[in-house]
């Protein structure tokens, strides 16, 4: 069972970025410049600390979210997608004229009991 997944179109872009930049990480931003958006960085270019939670892996890339942000999203399943248009961030897909975005839905009862046991 996965908390975060990725569309094939977005996975294609991730593979292109991996070929160019090597190891990567996703981090779901907390809403500054680009609102609340998934951003992708070269591994090591984003400072992670104990307040960042690993939600899973998509296309071989770890997906993190800050604990404070996670409190708002903990009842949702996330799907990373990509769309045309420039975001206002330092995410690696921006020079391609693309930006990653999140589609969310509430967890099913089964998923909720698995991911958020009481």
C-alpha atoms as a PDB file:
ATOM      1  CA  UNK A   1       0.000   0.000   0.000  1.00  0.00           C
ATOM      2  CA  UNK A   2       1.365   3.412  -0.979  1.00  0.00           C
ATOM      3  CA  UNK A   3       0.594   6.863   0.409  1.00  0.00           C
ATOM      4  CA  UNK A   4       2.076   8.633  -2.617  1.00  0.00           C
ATOM      5  CA  UNK A   5       2.126   7.593  -6.288  1.00  0.00           C
ATOM      6  CA  UNK A   6       3.031   9.183  -9.602  1.00  0.00           C
ATOM      7  CA  UNK A   7       1.420   9.386 -13.034  1.00  0.00           C
ATOM      8  CA  UNK A   8       3.272   7.933 -16.015  1.00  0.00           C
ATOM      9  CA  UNK A   9       3.617  11.411 -17.554  1.00  0.00           C
ATOM     10  CA  UNK A  10       5.250  12.738 -14.366  1.00  0.00           C
ATOM     11  CA  UNK A  11       7.415   9.600 -14.071  1.00  0.00           C
ATOM     12  CA  UNK A  12       8.761  10.299 -17.569  1.00  0.00           C
ATOM     13  CA  UNK A  13       9.898  13.747 -16.469  1.00  0.00           C
ATOM     14  CA  UNK A  14      11.466  12.320 -13.306  1.00  0.00           C
ATOM     15  CA  UNK A  15      13.447   9.840 -15.425  1.00  0.00           C
ATOM     16  CA  UNK A  16      14.674  12.704 -17.654  1.00  0.00           C
ATOM     17  CA  UNK A  17      15.753  14.665 -14.578  1.00  0.00           C
ATOM     18  CA  UNK A  18      17.481  11.615 -13.071  1.00  0.00           C
ATOM     19  CA  UNK A  19      19.454  11.118 -16.293  1.00  0.00           C
ATOM     20  CA  UNK A  20      20.630  14.726 -16.139  1.00  0.00           C
ATOM     21  CA  UNK A  21      21.017  15.292 -12.373  1.00  0.00           C
ATOM     22  CA  UNK A  22      21.508  11.864 -10.759  1.00  0.00           C
ATOM     23  CA  UNK A  23      19.903  11.085  -7.383  1.00  0.00           C
ATOM     24  CA  UNK A  24      16.883  13.242  -6.568  1.00  0.00           C
ATOM     25  CA  UNK A  25      14.395  13.915  -3.776  1.00  0.00           C
ATOM     26  CA  UNK A  26      10.833  15.262  -3.778  1.00  0.00           C
ATOM     27  CA  UNK A  27       9.732  17.631  -1.048  1.00  0.00           C
ATOM     28  CA  UNK A  28       6.150  18.831  -0.676  1.00  0.00           C
ATOM     29  CA  UNK A  29       6.515  22.549  -0.028  1.00  0.00           C
ATOM     30  CA  UNK A  30       4.670  24.289   2.737  1.00  0.00           C
ATOM     31  CA  UNK A  31       3.201  27.067   0.654  1.00  0.00           C
ATOM     32  CA  UNK A  32       5.662  29.906   0.085  1.00  0.00           C
ATOM     33  CA  UNK A  33       6.441  30.927  -3.494  1.00  0.00           C
ATOM     34  CA  UNK A  34       4.576  28.222  -5.349  1.00  0.00           C
ATOM     35  CA  UNK A  35       1.780  27.467  -2.908  1.00  0.00           C
ATOM     36  CA  UNK A  36       1.790  23.896  -1.715  1.00  0.00           C
ATOM     37  CA  UNK A  37       3.591  22.056  -4.496  1.00  0.00           C
ATOM     38  CA  UNK A  38       5.864  19.041  -4.862  1.00  0.00           C
ATOM     39  CA  UNK A  39       9.365  20.158  -5.722  1.00  0.00           C
ATOM     40  CA  UNK A  40      12.211  17.988  -6.950  1.00  0.00           C
ATOM     41  CA  UNK A  41      15.849  18.658  -6.112  1.00  0.00           C
ATOM     42  CA  UNK A  42      19.208  16.997  -6.500  1.00  0.00           C
ATOM     43  CA  UNK A  43      19.793  14.841  -3.446  1.00  0.00           C
ATOM     44  CA  UNK A  44      21.784  16.970  -1.005  1.00  0.00           C
ATOM     45  CA  UNK A  45      20.477  20.310  -2.338  1.00  0.00           C
ATOM     46  CA  UNK A  46      17.536  20.316   0.071  1.00  0.00           C
ATOM     47  CA  UNK A  47      18.255  20.366   3.789  1.00  0.00           C
ATOM     48  CA  UNK A  48      16.180  17.703   5.546  1.00  0.00           C
ATOM     49  CA  UNK A  49      15.939  17.370   9.302  1.00  0.00           C
ATOM     50  CA  UNK A  50      13.982  15.384  11.894  1.00  0.00           C
ATOM     51  CA  UNK A  51      10.846  17.421  11.117  1.00  0.00           C
ATOM     52  CA  UNK A  52      10.697  16.015   7.567  1.00  0.00           C
ATOM     53  CA  UNK A  53       8.686  12.824   7.105  1.00  0.00           C
ATOM     54  CA  UNK A  54       9.378  10.254   4.402  1.00  0.00           C
ATOM     55  CA  UNK A  55       5.986   9.451   2.842  1.00  0.00           C
ATOM     56  CA  UNK A  56       7.263   6.963   0.304  1.00  0.00           C
ATOM     57  CA  UNK A  57       9.102   6.626  -2.946  1.00  0.00           C
ATOM     58  CA  UNK A  58       8.003   7.398  -6.501  1.00  0.00           C
ATOM     59  CA  UNK A  59      10.075   6.387  -9.511  1.00  0.00           C
ATOM     60  CA  UNK A  60      13.022   5.686  -7.213  1.00  0.00           C
ATOM     61  CA  UNK A  61      12.827   9.150  -5.615  1.00  0.00           C
ATOM     62  CA  UNK A  62      12.077   9.601  -1.907  1.00  0.00           C
ATOM     63  CA  UNK A  63       9.098  11.877  -1.236  1.00  0.00           C
ATOM     64  CA  UNK A  64       9.274  14.016   1.931  1.00  0.00           C
ATOM     65  CA  UNK A  65       6.951  16.437   3.649  1.00  0.00           C
ATOM     66  CA  UNK A  66       7.508  18.635   6.680  1.00  0.00           C
ATOM     67  CA  UNK A  67       5.746  17.379   9.806  1.00  0.00           C
ATOM     68  CA  UNK A  68       3.667  20.571  10.158  1.00  0.00           C
ATOM     69  CA  UNK A  69       2.476  20.263   6.553  1.00  0.00           C
ATOM     70  CA  UNK A  70       1.832  16.548   7.064  1.00  0.00           C
ATOM     71  CA  UNK A  71      -0.735  17.345   9.769  1.00  0.00           C
ATOM     72  CA  UNK A  72      -2.920  18.845   7.024  1.00  0.00           C
ATOM     73  CA  UNK A  73      -2.327  16.007   4.556  1.00  0.00           C
ATOM     74  CA  UNK A  74      -2.185  12.896   6.772  1.00  0.00           C
ATOM     75  CA  UNK A  75      -5.682  11.766   5.794  1.00  0.00           C
ATOM     76  CA  UNK A  76      -4.967  11.908   2.058  1.00  0.00           C
ATOM     77  CA  UNK A  77      -3.432   9.797  -0.688  1.00  0.00           C
ATOM     78  CA  UNK A  78      -1.227  11.855  -3.005  1.00  0.00           C
ATOM     79  CA  UNK A  79      -0.538  11.452  -6.712  1.00  0.00           C
ATOM     80  CA  UNK A  80       2.277  13.452  -8.315  1.00  0.00           C
ATOM     81  CA  UNK A  81       1.392  14.760 -11.760  1.00  0.00           C
ATOM     82  CA  UNK A  82       2.938  17.293 -14.121  1.00  0.00           C
ATOM     83  CA  UNK A  83       1.454  20.129 -16.146  1.00  0.00           C
ATOM     84  CA  UNK A  84       2.678  22.769 -18.545  1.00  0.00           C
ATOM     85  CA  UNK A  85       3.510  26.142 -17.076  1.00  0.00           C
ATOM     86  CA  UNK A  86       6.244  27.645 -15.007  1.00  0.00           C
ATOM     87  CA  UNK A  87       6.090  27.470 -11.272  1.00  0.00           C
ATOM     88  CA  UNK A  88       7.793  30.049  -9.096  1.00  0.00           C
ATOM     89  CA  UNK A  89      10.233  27.687  -7.412  1.00  0.00           C
ATOM     90  CA  UNK A  90      13.700  26.212  -7.687  1.00  0.00           C
ATOM     91  CA  UNK A  91      12.343  22.785  -8.641  1.00  0.00           C
ATOM     92  CA  UNK A  92      14.342  21.076 -11.413  1.00  0.00           C
ATOM     93  CA  UNK A  93      11.433  20.707 -13.866  1.00  0.00           C
ATOM     94  CA  UNK A  94      10.851  24.475 -14.126  1.00  0.00           C
ATOM     95  CA  UNK A  95      13.392  25.055 -16.985  1.00  0.00           C
ATOM     96  CA  UNK A  96      11.448  22.455 -19.011  1.00  0.00           C
ATOM     97  CA  UNK A  97       8.372  24.715 -18.932  1.00  0.00           C
ATOM     98  CA  UNK A  98       6.646  22.242 -16.608  1.00  0.00           C
ATOM     99  CA  UNK A  99       5.679  22.016 -12.973  1.00  0.00           C
ATOM    100  CA  UNK A 100       4.778  19.149 -10.724  1.00  0.00           C
ATOM    101  CA  UNK A 101       1.474  19.246  -8.882  1.00  0.00           C
ATOM    102  CA  UNK A 102      -0.391  17.033  -6.427  1.00  0.00           C
ATOM    103  CA  UNK A 103      -3.781  15.418  -6.832  1.00  0.00           C
ATOM    104  CA  UNK A 104      -5.151  14.255  -3.506  1.00  0.00           C
ATOM    105  CA  UNK A 105      -8.036  12.154  -2.295  1.00  0.00           C
ATOM    106  CA  UNK A 106      -9.099  11.015   1.147  1.00  0.00           C
ATOM    107  CA  UNK A 107      -7.634   7.726   2.285  1.00  0.00           C
ATOM    108  CA  UNK A 108      -9.970   4.748   2.153  1.00  0.00           C
ATOM    109  CA  UNK A 109     -10.868   3.186   5.505  1.00  0.00           C
ATOM    110  CA  UNK A 110      -8.353   0.407   4.853  1.00  0.00           C
ATOM    111  CA  UNK A 111      -5.599   2.891   3.953  1.00  0.00           C
ATOM    112  CA  UNK A 112      -6.417   5.095   6.944  1.00  0.00           C
ATOM    113  CA  UNK A 113      -6.130   2.208   9.398  1.00  0.00           C
ATOM    114  CA  UNK A 114      -2.838   1.152   7.754  1.00  0.00           C
ATOM    115  CA  UNK A 115      -1.187   4.596   7.603  1.00  0.00           C
ATOM    116  CA  UNK A 116      -2.728   6.223  10.700  1.00  0.00           C
ATOM    117  CA  UNK A 117      -3.299   3.444  13.230  1.00  0.00           C
ATOM    118  CA  UNK A 118      -4.917   4.562  16.458  1.00  0.00           C
END
